[in-house]
C-alpha atoms as a PDB file:
ATOM      1  CA  MET A   1      19.990  26.410  54.567  1.00  0.00           C
ATOM      2  CA  ASN A   2      17.990  25.426  57.607  1.00  0.00           C
ATOM      3  CA  VAL A   3      20.126  23.916  60.398  1.00  0.00           C
ATOM      4  CA  ASP A   4      18.477  21.399  62.663  1.00  0.00           C
ATOM      5  CA  ARG A   5      18.626  22.998  66.138  1.00  0.00           C
ATOM      6  CA  ASP A   6      18.560  19.602  67.908  1.00  0.00           C
ATOM      7  CA  SER A   7      21.608  18.366  66.098  1.00  0.00           C
ATOM      8  CA  ALA A   8      23.572  21.479  67.053  1.00  0.00           C
ATOM      9  CA  ARG A   9      22.781  20.888  70.708  1.00  0.00           C
ATOM     10  CA  ARG A  10      23.481  17.133  70.885  1.00  0.00           C
ATOM     11  CA  ALA A  11      25.613  15.923  73.705  1.00  0.00           C
ATOM     12  CA  THR A  12      27.489  12.684  74.042  1.00  0.00           C
ATOM     13  CA  VAL A  13      27.500  11.046  77.464  1.00  0.00           C
ATOM     14  CA  LEU A  14      29.763   8.238  78.630  1.00  0.00           C
ATOM     15  CA  VAL A  15      28.249   6.004  81.327  1.00  0.00           C
ATOM     16  CA  VAL A  16      30.969   3.996  83.175  1.00  0.00           C
ATOM     17  CA  ASP A  17      29.958   1.213  85.509  1.00  0.00           C
ATOM     18  CA  ASP A  18      31.094  -2.411  85.938  1.00  0.00           C
ATOM     19  CA  SER A  19      27.579  -3.471  86.813  1.00  0.00           C
ATOM     20  CA  PRO A  20      25.594  -4.025  83.602  1.00  0.00           C
ATOM     21  CA  PRO A  21      22.183  -3.684  85.261  1.00  0.00           C
ATOM     22  CA  MET A  22      23.197  -0.310  86.899  1.00  0.00           C
ATOM     23  CA  ARG A  23      24.669   0.905  83.605  1.00  0.00           C
ATOM     24  CA  LYS A  24      21.552  -0.128  81.662  1.00  0.00           C
ATOM     25  CA  MET A  25      19.305   1.635  84.236  1.00  0.00           C
ATOM     26  CA  ILE A  26      21.205   4.902  83.887  1.00  0.00           C
ATOM     27  CA  VAL A  27      21.219   4.646  80.038  1.00  0.00           C
ATOM     28  CA  PHE A  28      17.488   3.836  80.068  1.00  0.00           C
ATOM     29  CA  ALA A  29      16.734   6.824  82.325  1.00  0.00           C
ATOM     30  CA  LEU A  30      18.889   9.167  80.157  1.00  0.00           C
ATOM     31  CA  SER A  31      17.379   7.855  76.887  1.00  0.00           C
ATOM     32  CA  ARG A  32      14.277   9.925  77.869  1.00  0.00           C
ATOM     33  CA  LEU A  33      16.258  13.112  77.390  1.00  0.00           C
ATOM     34  CA  PRO A  34      16.221  14.342  73.799  1.00  0.00           C
ATOM     35  CA  GLY A  35      19.529  15.230  72.082  1.00  0.00           C
ATOM     36  CA  LEU A  36      21.764  12.734  73.949  1.00  0.00           C
ATOM     37  CA  ASP A  37      24.069  10.084  72.422  1.00  0.00           C
ATOM     38  CA  LEU A  38      24.823   7.524  75.105  1.00  0.00           C
ATOM     39  CA  VAL A  39      27.885   5.337  75.183  1.00  0.00           C
ATOM     40  CA  GLU A  40      28.599   2.657  77.764  1.00  0.00           C
ATOM     41  CA  ALA A  41      31.929   1.532  79.240  1.00  0.00           C
ATOM     42  CA  ASP A  42      32.373  -1.617  81.440  1.00  0.00           C
ATOM     43  CA  ASP A  43      35.044  -0.109  83.687  1.00  0.00           C
ATOM     44  CA  GLY A  44      37.641   2.626  83.910  1.00  0.00           C
ATOM     45  CA  VAL A  45      40.004   0.905  81.461  1.00  0.00           C
ATOM     46  CA  ASP A  46      37.214   0.576  78.895  1.00  0.00           C
ATOM     47  CA  ALA A  47      36.340   4.230  79.560  1.00  0.00           C
ATOM     48  CA  LEU A  48      39.896   5.363  78.758  1.00  0.00           C
ATOM     49  CA  ARG A  49      39.781   3.360  75.513  1.00  0.00           C
ATOM     50  CA  LYS A  50      36.544   4.993  74.482  1.00  0.00           C
ATOM     51  CA  ILE A  51      37.760   8.447  75.499  1.00  0.00           C
ATOM     52  CA  ALA A  52      40.836   7.995  73.276  1.00  0.00           C
ATOM     53  CA  GLY A  53      38.678   7.561  70.197  1.00  0.00           C
ATOM     54  CA  ALA A  54      35.831   9.999  70.856  1.00  0.00           C
ATOM     55  CA  ARG A  55      34.844  13.266  72.485  1.00  0.00           C
ATOM     56  CA  PHE A  56      32.377  13.201  75.406  1.00  0.00           C
ATOM     57  CA  ASP A  57      30.372  16.174  76.825  1.00  0.00           C
ATOM     58  CA  LEU A  58      29.623  14.492  80.107  1.00  0.00           C
ATOM     59  CA  ILE A  59      30.968  11.432  81.981  1.00  0.00           C
ATOM     60  CA  ILE A  60      29.066   9.492  84.613  1.00  0.00           C
ATOM     61  CA  THR A  61      31.198   7.028  86.492  1.00  0.00           C
ATOM     62  CA  ASP A  62      30.823   4.600  89.430  1.00  0.00           C
ATOM     63  CA  ILE A  63      33.566   4.859  91.993  1.00  0.00           C
ATOM     64  CA  ASN A  64      33.866   1.111  92.926  1.00  0.00           C
ATOM     65  CA  MET A  65      35.226  -0.708  89.908  1.00  0.00           C
ATOM     66  CA  PRO A  66      38.053  -3.253  89.484  1.00  0.00           C
ATOM     67  CA  ILE A  67      41.491  -2.297  87.929  1.00  0.00           C
ATOM     68  CA  LEU A  68      40.799   1.422  87.395  1.00  0.00           C
ATOM     69  CA  ASP A  69      38.226   2.854  89.767  1.00  0.00           C
ATOM     70  CA  GLY A  70      36.136   5.994  89.350  1.00  0.00           C
ATOM     71  CA  LEU A  71      38.507   8.193  91.522  1.00  0.00           C
ATOM     72  CA  LYS A  72      41.544   7.162  89.410  1.00  0.00           C
ATOM     73  CA  LEU A  73      39.468   7.808  86.260  1.00  0.00           C
ATOM     74  CA  VAL A  74      38.537  11.312  87.424  1.00  0.00           C
ATOM     75  CA  LYS A  75      42.194  12.051  88.216  1.00  0.00           C
ATOM     76  CA  ARG A  76      43.307  10.818  84.767  1.00  0.00           C
ATOM     77  CA  LEU A  77      40.563  12.846  83.020  1.00  0.00           C
ATOM     78  CA  ARG A  78      41.435  16.051  84.851  1.00  0.00           C
ATOM     79  CA  ALA A  79      45.078  15.609  83.851  1.00  0.00           C
ATOM     80  CA  ASP A  80      43.980  15.371  80.142  1.00  0.00           C
ATOM     81  CA  GLU A  81      43.648  18.878  78.618  1.00  0.00           C
ATOM     82  CA  ARG A  82      40.656  17.714  76.528  1.00  0.00           C
ATOM     83  CA  TYR A  83      38.763  16.740  79.671  1.00  0.00           C
ATOM     84  CA  VAL A  84      39.768  19.456  82.174  1.00  0.00           C
ATOM     85  CA  ASN A  85      36.432  21.176  81.855  1.00  0.00           C
ATOM     86  CA  VAL A  86      34.134  18.272  80.861  1.00  0.00           C
ATOM     87  CA  PRO A  87      31.584  17.665  83.699  1.00  0.00           C
ATOM     88  CA  ILE A  88      31.894  14.426  85.619  1.00  0.00           C
ATOM     89  CA  ILE A  89      29.230  12.881  87.801  1.00  0.00           C
ATOM     90  CA  ILE A  90      30.366  10.237  90.348  1.00  0.00           C
ATOM     91  CA  ILE A  91      28.071   7.327  91.446  1.00  0.00           C
ATOM     92  CA  THR A  92      28.613   6.481  95.145  1.00  0.00           C
ATOM     93  CA  THR A  93      27.026   4.174  97.715  1.00  0.00           C
ATOM     94  CA  GLU A  94      24.936   5.737 100.409  1.00  0.00           C
ATOM     95  CA  GLY A  95      27.404   5.740 103.287  1.00  0.00           C
ATOM     96  CA  ALA A  96      30.453   6.835 101.233  1.00  0.00           C
ATOM     97  CA  ALA A  97      30.855  10.437 102.296  1.00  0.00           C
ATOM     98  CA  GLU A  98      34.616  10.087 102.212  1.00  0.00           C
ATOM     99  CA  ASP A  99      34.555   8.850  98.593  1.00  0.00           C
ATOM    100  CA  ARG A 100      32.250  11.744  97.641  1.00  0.00           C
ATOM    101  CA  GLN A 101      34.639  14.290  99.155  1.00  0.00           C
ATOM    102  CA  ARG A 102      37.679  12.707  97.459  1.00  0.00           C
ATOM    103  CA  ALA A 103      35.843  12.634  94.109  1.00  0.00           C
ATOM    104  CA  LEU A 104      34.822  16.295  94.379  1.00  0.00           C
ATOM    105  CA  ALA A 105      38.361  17.259  95.511  1.00  0.00           C
ATOM    106  CA  LEU A 106      39.796  15.443  92.426  1.00  0.00           C
ATOM    107  CA  GLY A 107      37.455  17.498  90.137  1.00  0.00           C
ATOM    108  CA  ALA A 108      34.168  15.681  89.924  1.00  0.00           C
ATOM    109  CA  ASN A 109      31.252  18.209  89.466  1.00  0.00           C
ATOM    110  CA  ALA A 110      28.498  16.265  91.227  1.00  0.00           C
ATOM    111  CA  TYR A 111      27.552  12.877  92.586  1.00  0.00           C
ATOM    112  CA  ILE A 112      24.567  10.508  92.635  1.00  0.00           C
ATOM    113  CA  THR A 113      23.958   8.214  95.585  1.00  0.00           C
ATOM    114  CA  LYS A 114      22.806   4.665  95.182  1.00  0.00           C
ATOM    115  CA  PRO A 115      20.129   3.534  95.020  1.00  0.00           C
ATOM    116  CA  ILE A 116      19.787   5.610  91.893  1.00  0.00           C
ATOM    117  CA  ARG A 117      16.423   7.053  90.899  1.00  0.00           C
ATOM    118  CA  GLY A 118      15.891   7.736  87.236  1.00  0.00           C
ATOM    119  CA  ARG A 119      14.277  11.063  87.725  1.00  0.00           C
ATOM    120  CA  GLU A 120      17.169  12.326  89.921  1.00  0.00           C
ATOM    121  CA  VAL A 121      19.700  11.314  87.161  1.00  0.00           C
ATOM    122  CA  ILE A 122      17.689  13.042  84.449  1.00  0.00           C
ATOM    123  CA  THR A 123      17.298  16.266  86.500  1.00  0.00           C
ATOM    124  CA  LEU A 124      21.040  16.369  87.420  1.00  0.00           C
ATOM    125  CA  VAL A 125      22.255  15.585  83.837  1.00  0.00           C
ATOM    126  CA  ARG A 126      19.890  18.063  82.318  1.00  0.00           C
ATOM    127  CA  GLY A 127      21.036  20.835  84.711  1.00  0.00           C
ATOM    128  CA  ILE A 128      24.796  20.124  84.194  1.00  0.00           C
ATOM    129  CA  LEU A 129      24.466  19.993  80.394  1.00  0.00           C
ATOM    130  CA  GLU A 130      22.503  23.294  80.337  1.00  0.00           C
ATOM    131  CA  GLU A 131      25.127  24.856  82.517  1.00  0.00           C
ATOM    132  CA  HIS A 132      27.772  23.798  79.985  1.00  0.00           C
ATOM    133  CA  GLY A 133      25.888  25.005  76.904  1.00  0.00           C
ATOM    134  CA  HIS A 134      24.186  21.912  75.716  1.00  0.00           C
END
């Protein structure tokens, strides 16, 4: 039996951002990478709902969101044994060095600074997924 190599290497990515245009831009950029299944969440609460019903190989989340922000989401994910080692990329604003440091201290693997460039997102995501065996 011939196993499709691409299906064995598929990765599911959750993109969490309360700004629909920002979310769509990230999803559009990542849609150029083969082997990715992309899921969107409106905010941290929506992300937790989606995480409860599925398994993700990578999570990209904005920091500044209402109700459950990206920092609280990272903290919750790192407390969940299923997500202890799942890579997390944080989206920050340009001058938010303190937010970046807090996110990395809580367990985020990397960050992207706004304004986001599609090529930068693709390169970072590809590198992290390869590092984690996808």
